[in-house]
């Protein structure tokens, strides 16, 4: 009986520490030559962590970069008149949220889990420094608790509740 209760407590801890991923947005878009595009157009806020994946159906392409930027930075990039493509690329790279950078020179798919500030509005952006348009597919999802924990130093509420549940069951067994 004690082993059954311990197993139930452990199961409760695991279940409460895992949440299903909620897909926030998915689609297929074209990024024109020497352009930067982002989605969602109005940005997203209240996110502390997102998981995103970008795939280039046409295969590897070292001219494409992707990542998360604030909505304000996304608009600044789009509205800028850069003197050169190198200046534009450097500006985009400098505005990407740390850890969100994706390049596609050796793999046509890139996935990242990115920690964000809930008080800021963000967009997922794709830049093309090449001479021809490129199609990409993307998915933006909320993080699971485990993913959020991997980019955050804090403990999640569900994880804490699971730990307390397991501790109570263990205490009852003693």
N, C-alpha and C. Protein backbone atom coordinates (compact mmCIF):
# COMPACT_ATOMS: atom_id res chain seq x y z
N UNK A 1 0.83 -1.19 0.00
CA UNK A 1 0.00 0.00 0.00
C UNK A 1 0.87 1.25 0.00
N UNK A 2 1.94 1.24 0.84
CA UNK A 2 2.83 2.40 0.88
C UNK A 2 3.49 2.63 -0.48
N UNK A 3 3.86 1.54 -1.16
CA UNK A 3 4.49 1.68 -2.47
C UNK A 3 3.51 2.26 -3.48
N UNK A 4 2.24 1.88 -3.40
CA UNK A 4 1.21 2.42 -4.29
C UNK A 4 1.04 3.91 -4.06
N UNK A 5 0.97 4.34 -2.79
CA UNK A 5 0.84 5.76 -2.49
C UNK A 5 2.05 6.55 -2.95
N UNK A 6 3.24 5.98 -2.78
CA UNK A 6 4.45 6.65 -3.24
C UNK A 6 4.41 6.78 -4.77
N UNK A 7 3.97 5.75 -5.45
CA UNK A 7 3.88 5.80 -6.91
C UNK A 7 2.87 6.85 -7.36
N UNK A 8 1.75 6.94 -6.68
CA UNK A 8 0.73 7.94 -7.00
C UNK A 8 1.28 9.34 -6.78
N UNK A 9 2.00 9.54 -5.68
CA UNK A 9 2.59 10.84 -5.40
C UNK A 9 3.61 11.25 -6.46
N UNK A 10 4.42 10.31 -6.88
CA UNK A 10 5.40 10.59 -7.93
C UNK A 10 4.70 10.90 -9.23
N UNK A 11 3.65 10.16 -9.55
CA UNK A 11 2.88 10.40 -10.77
C UNK A 11 2.24 11.78 -10.73
N UNK A 12 1.70 12.18 -9.58
CA UNK A 12 1.12 13.51 -9.44
C UNK A 12 2.16 14.59 -9.68
N UNK A 13 3.36 14.37 -9.16
CA UNK A 13 4.42 15.34 -9.36
C UNK A 13 4.75 15.47 -10.84
N UNK A 14 4.84 14.36 -11.54
CA UNK A 14 5.16 14.40 -12.96
C UNK A 14 4.03 15.03 -13.77
N UNK A 15 2.79 14.69 -13.47
CA UNK A 15 1.66 15.22 -14.23
C UNK A 15 1.51 16.72 -14.03
N UNK A 16 1.63 17.20 -12.80
CA UNK A 16 1.44 18.63 -12.56
C UNK A 16 2.61 19.45 -13.07
N UNK A 17 3.74 18.81 -13.30
CA UNK A 17 4.90 19.53 -13.82
C UNK A 17 4.93 19.62 -15.33
N UNK A 18 3.97 19.01 -16.01
CA UNK A 18 3.94 19.00 -17.46
C UNK A 18 2.63 19.60 -17.93
N UNK A 19 2.71 20.53 -18.86
CA UNK A 19 1.50 21.07 -19.47
C UNK A 19 1.60 20.89 -20.97
N UNK A 20 0.47 20.83 -21.62
CA UNK A 20 0.45 20.67 -23.06
C UNK A 20 0.88 21.97 -23.74
N UNK A 21 1.52 21.83 -24.88
CA UNK A 21 1.91 23.01 -25.64
C UNK A 21 0.69 23.58 -26.35
N UNK A 22 0.57 24.89 -26.27
CA UNK A 22 -0.51 25.60 -26.95
C UNK A 22 0.11 26.30 -28.15
N UNK A 23 -0.31 25.92 -29.37
CA UNK A 23 0.21 26.55 -30.57
C UNK A 23 -0.39 27.95 -30.67
N UNK A 24 0.48 28.95 -30.72
CA UNK A 24 0.05 30.34 -30.79
C UNK A 24 -0.16 30.78 -32.23
N UNK A 25 0.69 30.30 -33.13
CA UNK A 25 0.56 30.67 -34.54
C UNK A 25 1.38 29.70 -35.38
N UNK A 26 0.88 29.41 -36.57
CA UNK A 26 1.59 28.57 -37.51
C UNK A 26 1.25 29.04 -38.92
N UNK A 27 2.17 28.84 -39.85
CA UNK A 27 1.87 29.26 -41.20
C UNK A 27 3.03 29.10 -42.15
N UNK A 28 2.82 29.56 -43.37
CA UNK A 28 3.83 29.59 -44.42
C UNK A 28 3.87 31.00 -44.96
N UNK A 29 5.06 31.56 -45.09
CA UNK A 29 5.21 32.94 -45.52
C UNK A 29 6.41 33.06 -46.47
N UNK A 30 6.40 34.10 -47.26
CA UNK A 30 7.48 34.40 -48.18
C UNK A 30 8.24 35.61 -47.65
N UNK A 31 9.57 35.50 -47.60
CA UNK A 31 10.40 36.66 -47.26
C UNK A 31 11.08 37.09 -48.57
N UNK A 32 10.76 38.29 -49.04
CA UNK A 32 11.36 38.77 -50.29
C UNK A 32 12.87 38.96 -50.16
N UNK A 33 13.54 39.07 -51.30
CA UNK A 33 14.97 39.32 -51.33
C UNK A 33 15.27 40.62 -50.59
N UNK A 34 16.34 40.60 -49.79
CA UNK A 34 16.81 41.77 -49.05
C UNK A 34 15.73 42.41 -48.18
N UNK A 35 14.91 41.58 -47.56
CA UNK A 35 13.81 42.08 -46.72
C UNK A 35 13.81 41.37 -45.37
N UNK A 36 12.99 41.91 -44.47
CA UNK A 36 12.76 41.35 -43.14
C UNK A 36 11.25 41.33 -42.94
N UNK A 37 10.71 40.21 -42.54
CA UNK A 37 9.28 40.10 -42.25
C UNK A 37 9.12 39.55 -40.84
N UNK A 38 7.97 39.83 -40.22
CA UNK A 38 7.72 39.27 -38.90
C UNK A 38 6.26 38.91 -38.72
N UNK A 39 6.04 38.07 -37.71
CA UNK A 39 4.70 37.62 -37.36
C UNK A 39 4.65 37.37 -35.86
N UNK A 40 3.54 37.50 -35.18
CA UNK A 40 2.27 38.08 -35.64
C UNK A 40 2.41 39.58 -35.85
N UNK A 41 1.65 40.13 -36.77
CA UNK A 41 1.77 41.54 -37.14
C UNK A 41 1.56 42.47 -35.95
N UNK A 42 0.66 42.13 -35.06
CA UNK A 42 0.39 42.97 -33.89
C UNK A 42 1.29 42.61 -32.71
N UNK A 43 2.11 41.60 -32.89
CA UNK A 43 2.99 41.14 -31.82
C UNK A 43 2.24 40.31 -30.79
N UNK A 44 3.00 39.70 -29.93
CA UNK A 44 2.43 38.91 -28.84
C UNK A 44 3.04 39.35 -27.53
N UNK A 45 2.22 39.40 -26.50
CA UNK A 45 2.72 39.82 -25.19
C UNK A 45 2.19 38.88 -24.12
N UNK A 46 2.76 39.00 -22.93
CA UNK A 46 2.37 38.14 -21.83
C UNK A 46 3.07 36.79 -21.88
N UNK A 47 4.03 36.64 -22.78
CA UNK A 47 4.77 35.38 -22.91
C UNK A 47 6.03 35.44 -22.06
N UNK A 48 6.27 34.42 -21.27
CA UNK A 48 7.54 34.34 -20.56
C UNK A 48 8.48 33.37 -21.26
N UNK A 49 7.91 32.55 -22.14
CA UNK A 49 8.71 31.57 -22.86
C UNK A 49 7.93 31.12 -24.09
N UNK A 50 8.61 31.03 -25.22
CA UNK A 50 8.00 30.47 -26.43
C UNK A 50 8.96 29.48 -27.05
N UNK A 51 8.39 28.55 -27.77
CA UNK A 51 9.17 27.62 -28.57
C UNK A 51 8.80 27.92 -30.01
N UNK A 52 9.79 28.09 -30.85
CA UNK A 52 9.46 28.32 -32.25
C UNK A 52 10.33 27.45 -33.15
N UNK A 53 9.78 27.15 -34.30
CA UNK A 53 10.47 26.34 -35.29
C UNK A 53 10.26 26.97 -36.65
N UNK A 54 11.32 27.09 -37.42
CA UNK A 54 11.27 27.62 -38.77
C UNK A 54 11.91 26.59 -39.69
N UNK A 55 11.25 26.33 -40.83
CA UNK A 55 11.78 25.40 -41.83
C UNK A 55 11.78 26.08 -43.19
N UNK A 56 12.86 25.89 -43.91
CA UNK A 56 12.95 26.36 -45.29
C UNK A 56 12.69 25.17 -46.20
N UNK A 57 11.49 25.08 -46.80
CA UNK A 57 11.16 23.93 -47.64
C UNK A 57 12.12 23.76 -48.83
N UNK A 58 12.75 24.84 -49.26
CA UNK A 58 13.69 24.78 -50.38
C UNK A 58 15.07 24.28 -50.01
N UNK A 59 15.30 24.00 -48.74
CA UNK A 59 16.60 23.50 -48.30
C UNK A 59 17.44 24.57 -47.63
N UNK A 60 18.68 24.22 -47.34
CA UNK A 60 19.58 25.13 -46.63
C UNK A 60 19.78 26.42 -47.42
N UNK A 61 19.98 27.52 -46.67
CA UNK A 61 20.15 28.83 -47.31
C UNK A 61 20.86 29.74 -46.30
N UNK A 62 22.12 30.00 -46.52
CA UNK A 62 22.90 30.80 -45.56
C UNK A 62 22.53 32.28 -45.59
N UNK A 63 21.67 32.69 -46.52
CA UNK A 63 21.23 34.10 -46.58
C UNK A 63 20.06 34.39 -45.63
N UNK A 64 19.51 33.36 -45.00
CA UNK A 64 18.33 33.53 -44.15
C UNK A 64 18.73 33.48 -42.68
N UNK A 65 18.19 34.42 -41.88
CA UNK A 65 18.34 34.40 -40.43
C UNK A 65 16.95 34.57 -39.83
N UNK A 66 16.77 34.06 -38.64
CA UNK A 66 15.48 34.17 -37.95
C UNK A 66 15.72 34.34 -36.47
N UNK A 67 14.70 34.85 -35.79
CA UNK A 67 14.77 35.00 -34.34
C UNK A 67 13.65 35.87 -33.83
N UNK A 68 13.61 36.07 -32.52
CA UNK A 68 12.60 36.92 -31.90
C UNK A 68 13.18 38.30 -31.65
N UNK A 69 12.36 39.33 -31.91
CA UNK A 69 12.69 40.72 -31.60
C UNK A 69 11.47 41.35 -30.95
N UNK A 70 11.69 42.48 -30.29
CA UNK A 70 10.53 43.21 -29.79
C UNK A 70 9.77 43.78 -30.98
N UNK A 71 8.49 44.06 -30.79
CA UNK A 71 7.69 44.66 -31.86
C UNK A 71 8.31 46.00 -32.28
N UNK A 72 8.75 46.79 -31.31
CA UNK A 72 9.37 48.08 -31.62
C UNK A 72 10.62 47.89 -32.49
N UNK A 73 11.46 46.91 -32.16
CA UNK A 73 12.65 46.65 -32.96
C UNK A 73 12.29 46.11 -34.34
N UNK A 74 11.26 45.27 -34.42
CA UNK A 74 10.81 44.77 -35.72
C UNK A 74 10.37 45.90 -36.63
N UNK A 75 9.61 46.84 -36.07
CA UNK A 75 9.18 48.00 -36.85
C UNK A 75 10.37 48.87 -37.25
N UNK A 76 11.33 49.04 -36.34
CA UNK A 76 12.52 49.84 -36.65
C UNK A 76 13.31 49.21 -37.80
N UNK A 77 13.43 47.90 -37.80
CA UNK A 77 14.15 47.21 -38.88
C UNK A 77 13.43 47.44 -40.21
N UNK A 78 12.12 47.23 -40.22
CA UNK A 78 11.35 47.37 -41.47
C UNK A 78 11.37 48.80 -41.99
N UNK A 79 11.34 49.76 -41.10
CA UNK A 79 11.27 51.17 -41.51
C UNK A 79 12.62 51.83 -41.75
N UNK A 80 13.72 51.09 -41.57
CA UNK A 80 15.06 51.66 -41.76
C UNK A 80 15.47 51.65 -43.23
N UNK A 81 16.30 52.61 -43.59
CA UNK A 81 16.90 52.67 -44.91
C UNK A 81 18.40 52.42 -44.73
N UNK A 82 18.79 51.16 -44.84
CA UNK A 82 20.17 50.78 -44.60
C UNK A 82 21.04 51.13 -45.80
N UNK A 83 22.29 51.49 -45.53
CA UNK A 83 23.25 51.82 -46.59
C UNK A 83 23.73 50.57 -47.33
N UNK A 84 23.70 49.43 -46.63
CA UNK A 84 24.16 48.18 -47.26
C UNK A 84 23.43 47.00 -46.63
N UNK A 85 23.50 45.87 -47.32
CA UNK A 85 22.89 44.65 -46.78
C UNK A 85 23.65 44.19 -45.53
N UNK A 86 24.95 44.44 -45.47
CA UNK A 86 25.73 44.09 -44.28
C UNK A 86 25.28 44.92 -43.07
N UNK A 87 25.00 46.19 -43.28
CA UNK A 87 24.52 47.04 -42.20
C UNK A 87 23.17 46.54 -41.70
N UNK A 88 22.29 46.16 -42.63
CA UNK A 88 20.98 45.63 -42.25
C UNK A 88 21.13 44.33 -41.46
N UNK A 89 21.98 43.43 -41.95
CA UNK A 89 22.19 42.15 -41.27
C UNK A 89 22.74 42.36 -39.86
N UNK A 90 23.71 43.25 -39.72
CA UNK A 90 24.27 43.53 -38.40
C UNK A 90 23.22 44.11 -37.46
N UNK A 91 22.36 45.00 -37.98
CA UNK A 91 21.32 45.59 -37.15
C UNK A 91 20.31 44.54 -36.69
N UNK A 92 19.88 43.68 -37.62
CA UNK A 92 18.94 42.61 -37.26
C UNK A 92 19.57 41.73 -36.19
N UNK A 93 20.80 41.28 -36.42
CA UNK A 93 21.47 40.41 -35.44
C UNK A 93 21.59 41.07 -34.08
N UNK A 94 21.82 42.37 -34.04
CA UNK A 94 21.97 43.06 -32.76
C UNK A 94 20.66 43.19 -32.01
N UNK A 95 19.54 43.09 -32.72
CA UNK A 95 18.23 43.26 -32.09
C UNK A 95 17.56 41.93 -31.71
N UNK A 96 18.12 40.81 -32.14
CA UNK A 96 17.53 39.51 -31.81
C UNK A 96 17.63 39.24 -30.31
N UNK A 97 16.57 38.68 -29.74
CA UNK A 97 16.58 38.26 -28.34
C UNK A 97 17.65 37.18 -28.18
N UNK A 98 18.45 37.30 -27.14
CA UNK A 98 19.52 36.33 -26.89
C UNK A 98 18.96 34.91 -26.87
N UNK A 99 19.63 34.03 -27.57
CA UNK A 99 19.23 32.63 -27.62
C UNK A 99 18.19 32.31 -28.67
N UNK A 100 17.69 33.31 -29.39
CA UNK A 100 16.64 33.06 -30.38
C UNK A 100 17.19 32.96 -31.80
N UNK A 101 18.46 33.20 -31.97
CA UNK A 101 19.05 33.27 -33.30
C UNK A 101 19.02 31.92 -34.02
N UNK A 102 18.61 31.96 -35.28
CA UNK A 102 18.63 30.78 -36.14
C UNK A 102 19.31 31.14 -37.45
N UNK A 103 20.17 30.25 -37.92
CA UNK A 103 20.75 30.38 -39.25
C UNK A 103 20.50 29.05 -39.97
N UNK A 104 20.56 29.08 -41.28
CA UNK A 104 20.14 27.93 -42.06
C UNK A 104 21.18 27.50 -43.09
N UNK A 105 22.46 27.75 -42.80
CA UNK A 105 23.53 27.39 -43.72
C UNK A 105 23.81 25.90 -43.80
N UNK A 106 23.50 25.16 -42.74
CA UNK A 106 23.78 23.72 -42.75
C UNK A 106 22.56 22.85 -42.48
N UNK A 107 21.46 23.47 -42.07
CA UNK A 107 20.23 22.71 -41.77
C UNK A 107 19.04 23.58 -42.14
N UNK A 108 18.06 23.05 -42.88
CA UNK A 108 16.91 23.87 -43.28
C UNK A 108 15.87 24.08 -42.18
N UNK A 109 16.07 23.48 -41.00
CA UNK A 109 15.13 23.63 -39.89
C UNK A 109 15.88 24.09 -38.65
N UNK A 110 15.25 25.01 -37.94
CA UNK A 110 15.82 25.49 -36.68
C UNK A 110 14.69 25.62 -35.67
N UNK A 111 14.91 25.12 -34.47
CA UNK A 111 13.94 25.25 -33.37
C UNK A 111 14.66 25.83 -32.17
N UNK A 112 13.98 26.72 -31.47
CA UNK A 112 14.55 27.34 -30.27
C UNK A 112 13.48 27.47 -29.20
N UNK A 113 13.92 27.40 -27.96
CA UNK A 113 13.10 27.74 -26.80
C UNK A 113 13.68 29.04 -26.27
N UNK A 114 12.83 30.06 -26.16
CA UNK A 114 13.31 31.41 -25.87
C UNK A 114 12.61 31.98 -24.64
N UNK A 115 13.39 32.43 -23.68
CA UNK A 115 12.85 33.12 -22.51
C UNK A 115 12.57 34.58 -22.86
N UNK A 116 11.40 35.07 -22.50
CA UNK A 116 10.97 36.43 -22.82
C UNK A 116 10.48 37.15 -21.57
N UNK A 117 10.34 38.45 -21.67
CA UNK A 117 9.76 39.26 -20.60
C UNK A 117 8.27 39.41 -20.86
N UNK A 118 7.44 39.06 -19.89
CA UNK A 118 5.99 39.12 -20.06
C UNK A 118 5.48 40.54 -20.31
N UNK A 119 6.24 41.54 -19.93
CA UNK A 119 5.78 42.92 -20.07
C UNK A 119 6.10 43.51 -21.44
N UNK A 120 6.81 42.76 -22.29
CA UNK A 120 7.21 43.25 -23.60
C UNK A 120 6.37 42.58 -24.70
N UNK A 121 6.27 43.22 -25.85
CA UNK A 121 5.58 42.67 -27.01
C UNK A 121 6.62 42.20 -28.02
N UNK A 122 6.49 40.94 -28.47
CA UNK A 122 7.49 40.33 -29.34
C UNK A 122 6.89 39.87 -30.66
N UNK A 123 7.79 39.69 -31.64
CA UNK A 123 7.45 39.10 -32.93
C UNK A 123 8.57 38.15 -33.33
N UNK A 124 8.22 37.16 -34.14
CA UNK A 124 9.22 36.28 -34.73
C UNK A 124 9.56 36.85 -36.09
N UNK A 125 10.84 37.11 -36.32
CA UNK A 125 11.26 37.73 -37.58
C UNK A 125 12.16 36.83 -38.39
N UNK A 126 12.09 37.02 -39.72
CA UNK A 126 12.96 36.31 -40.66
C UNK A 126 13.54 37.33 -41.62
N UNK A 127 14.86 37.31 -41.74
CA UNK A 127 15.55 38.23 -42.65
C UNK A 127 16.19 37.47 -43.79
N UNK A 128 16.20 38.11 -44.96
CA UNK A 128 16.76 37.49 -46.16
C UNK A 128 17.76 38.46 -46.78
N UNK A 129 19.03 38.13 -46.73
CA UNK A 129 20.06 38.97 -47.33
C UNK A 129 20.39 38.55 -48.75
N UNK A 130 19.63 37.58 -49.27
CA UNK A 130 19.88 37.05 -50.61
C UNK A 130 19.17 37.83 -51.70
N UNK A 131 19.40 37.38 -52.94
CA UNK A 131 18.85 38.06 -54.12
C UNK A 131 17.54 37.46 -54.62
N UNK A 132 17.03 36.43 -53.96
CA UNK A 132 15.76 35.85 -54.38
C UNK A 132 14.88 35.58 -53.16
N UNK A 133 13.57 35.61 -53.38
CA UNK A 133 12.61 35.36 -52.30
C UNK A 133 12.74 33.92 -51.81
N UNK A 134 12.39 33.73 -50.54
CA UNK A 134 12.45 32.40 -49.94
C UNK A 134 11.19 32.16 -49.12
N UNK A 135 10.62 30.99 -49.29
CA UNK A 135 9.45 30.58 -48.51
C UNK A 135 9.92 29.88 -47.24
N UNK A 136 9.20 30.14 -46.15
CA UNK A 136 9.48 29.42 -44.91
C UNK A 136 8.17 29.06 -44.22
N UNK A 137 8.20 27.98 -43.47
CA UNK A 137 7.08 27.59 -42.62
C UNK A 137 7.51 27.81 -41.18
N UNK A 138 6.54 28.07 -40.32
CA UNK A 138 6.88 28.35 -38.93
C UNK A 138 5.76 27.89 -38.00
N UNK A 139 6.16 27.63 -36.77
CA UNK A 139 5.22 27.34 -35.69
C UNK A 139 5.74 28.04 -34.44
N UNK A 140 4.85 28.76 -33.77
CA UNK A 140 5.18 29.39 -32.49
C UNK A 140 4.25 28.79 -31.45
N UNK A 141 4.82 28.25 -30.39
CA UNK A 141 4.03 27.59 -29.34
C UNK A 141 4.43 28.13 -27.97
N UNK A 142 3.51 27.99 -27.02
CA UNK A 142 3.87 28.24 -25.63
C UNK A 142 4.78 27.11 -25.19
N UNK A 143 5.65 27.39 -24.26
CA UNK A 143 6.56 26.38 -23.72
C UNK A 143 5.83 25.46 -22.75
N UNK A 144 6.31 24.24 -22.67
CA UNK A 144 5.90 23.37 -21.56
C UNK A 144 6.60 23.89 -20.32
N UNK A 145 6.19 23.42 -19.16
CA UNK A 145 6.86 23.82 -17.92
C UNK A 145 8.33 23.43 -17.94
N UNK A 146 8.64 22.26 -18.48
CA UNK A 146 10.03 21.82 -18.53
C UNK A 146 10.85 22.74 -19.43
N UNK A 147 10.30 23.14 -20.58
CA UNK A 147 11.00 24.06 -21.47
C UNK A 147 11.19 25.42 -20.82
N UNK A 148 10.15 25.91 -20.15
CA UNK A 148 10.25 27.19 -19.47
C UNK A 148 11.33 27.15 -18.39
N UNK A 149 11.40 26.02 -17.68
CA UNK A 149 12.41 25.88 -16.63
C UNK A 149 13.81 25.86 -17.22
N UNK A 150 13.94 25.38 -18.46
CA UNK A 150 15.27 25.30 -19.07
C UNK A 150 15.81 26.68 -19.44
N UNK A 151 14.95 27.68 -19.59
CA UNK A 151 15.40 29.03 -19.93
C UNK A 151 15.20 30.01 -18.78
N UNK A 152 14.75 29.51 -17.63
CA UNK A 152 14.47 30.37 -16.49
C UNK A 152 15.11 29.79 -15.25
N UNK A 153 15.50 30.67 -14.36
CA UNK A 153 16.07 30.19 -13.10
C UNK A 153 14.99 29.97 -12.06
N UNK A 154 13.76 30.41 -12.34
CA UNK A 154 12.67 30.26 -11.38
C UNK A 154 11.99 28.92 -11.47
N UNK A 155 11.27 28.55 -10.44
CA UNK A 155 10.50 27.31 -10.44
C UNK A 155 9.06 27.64 -10.79
N UNK A 156 8.43 26.81 -11.60
CA UNK A 156 7.06 27.08 -12.02
C UNK A 156 6.07 26.66 -10.92
N UNK A 157 4.91 27.24 -10.95
CA UNK A 157 3.89 26.92 -9.97
C UNK A 157 3.49 25.45 -10.06
N UNK A 158 3.29 24.93 -11.26
CA UNK A 158 2.91 23.52 -11.41
C UNK A 158 4.00 22.60 -10.89
N UNK A 159 5.25 22.94 -11.16
CA UNK A 159 6.36 22.13 -10.64
C UNK A 159 6.39 22.14 -9.13
N UNK A 160 6.15 23.31 -8.54
CA UNK A 160 6.13 23.44 -7.08
C UNK A 160 4.98 22.63 -6.48
N UNK A 161 3.80 22.70 -7.09
CA UNK A 161 2.66 21.92 -6.60
C UNK A 161 2.93 20.42 -6.68
N UNK A 162 3.57 20.00 -7.77
CA UNK A 162 3.92 18.58 -7.90
C UNK A 162 4.90 18.14 -6.83
N UNK A 163 5.87 18.98 -6.55
CA UNK A 163 6.85 18.67 -5.52
C UNK A 163 6.19 18.59 -4.14
N UNK A 164 5.28 19.52 -3.85
CA UNK A 164 4.56 19.50 -2.56
C UNK A 164 3.70 18.25 -2.46
N UNK A 165 3.00 17.89 -3.54
CA UNK A 165 2.16 16.68 -3.53
C UNK A 165 2.99 15.44 -3.22
N UNK A 166 4.12 15.30 -3.86
CA UNK A 166 4.97 14.14 -3.62
C UNK A 166 5.52 14.14 -2.20
N UNK A 167 5.84 15.33 -1.69
CA UNK A 167 6.37 15.43 -0.32
C UNK A 167 5.32 15.05 0.70
N UNK A 168 4.07 15.47 0.49
CA UNK A 168 2.97 15.13 1.41
C UNK A 168 2.76 13.64 1.42
N UNK A 169 2.75 13.02 0.25
CA UNK A 169 2.56 11.58 0.18
C UNK A 169 3.71 10.87 0.89
N UNK A 170 4.93 11.33 0.67
CA UNK A 170 6.09 10.71 1.33
C UNK A 170 6.01 10.89 2.84
N UNK A 171 5.56 12.05 3.30
CA UNK A 171 5.43 12.31 4.74
C UNK A 171 4.37 11.39 5.36
N UNK A 172 3.27 11.17 4.65
CA UNK A 172 2.21 10.30 5.14
C UNK A 172 2.73 8.88 5.28
N UNK A 173 3.63 8.48 4.40
CA UNK A 173 4.16 7.12 4.45
C UNK A 173 5.10 6.90 5.63
N UNK A 174 5.67 7.97 6.17
CA UNK A 174 6.64 7.82 7.25
C UNK A 174 5.99 7.61 8.56
